[in-house]
Amino acid sequence: MLHNHGSRKAPISSVKSITLLAILSALAVAGRIALSFIANVQPVTTFVILMTLLMGFRYGVLLAGMVMILSNLILGFGIWTLPQIIAYCAIVVVTSIFIRPVFSKLPLVVMALYAGFTGLLYGFINSLGQIPLYGATYFLTYYLAGIPYDIMHAIGNFVFYLVLAPLLLPLLHKLINQHFDKS
């Protein structure tokens, strides 16, 4: 199905790479804003996972940072933005190291479960990022209070991955392969 491109990397400055980043960023930002009335249910994590799987670590980090900054300019930018970016970067790291090398062997439902897990991971890391604000003594209280929202994020990620991955992966993979074949 999908193959790791190994050392063949599209430069971040290539028009096709920038275009792909821009399109996925726009889709993720639009999805996050459109669904902002449902707490923690948005397609950002799925787009970050897909970009990381297809293009690697640096593209996943760029997408995560761009989406959080752009969407937070509309939804509310504050001290929570940096922990959000760090949490998404952690998802990119985990996806790059543990999932990307074996991705082609994983069934869709396993990947959807992984996407669900990343909602819980995101919540935990985001909560850790609030320690400077609330202090370490309140971390557990803060984290436990957020678990219902993390569960919503996990369920949303599971559903978004099940719906979006089968539609977007073949299309994005074809785009990327065309790029590498012409380089």
Foldseek 3Di string as FASTA:
>chain_A
DFDDPPPDADDCPDPLNVVVLVVLLVQQLVQCVVPVVDQQQGQLLLSLLLCCLQHNLVSSLSSLLSNLVVNCVVVPDDLLSVLLSVLSSVVSVCSRPPCNVCVVVDDLQVVLQVQLVSLLSSLLSSLVSCCVVVNPVCSVVSSVVCVVSSNNNSVSSSVSSSPPVVVVVVVVSVSVVVVSVVD
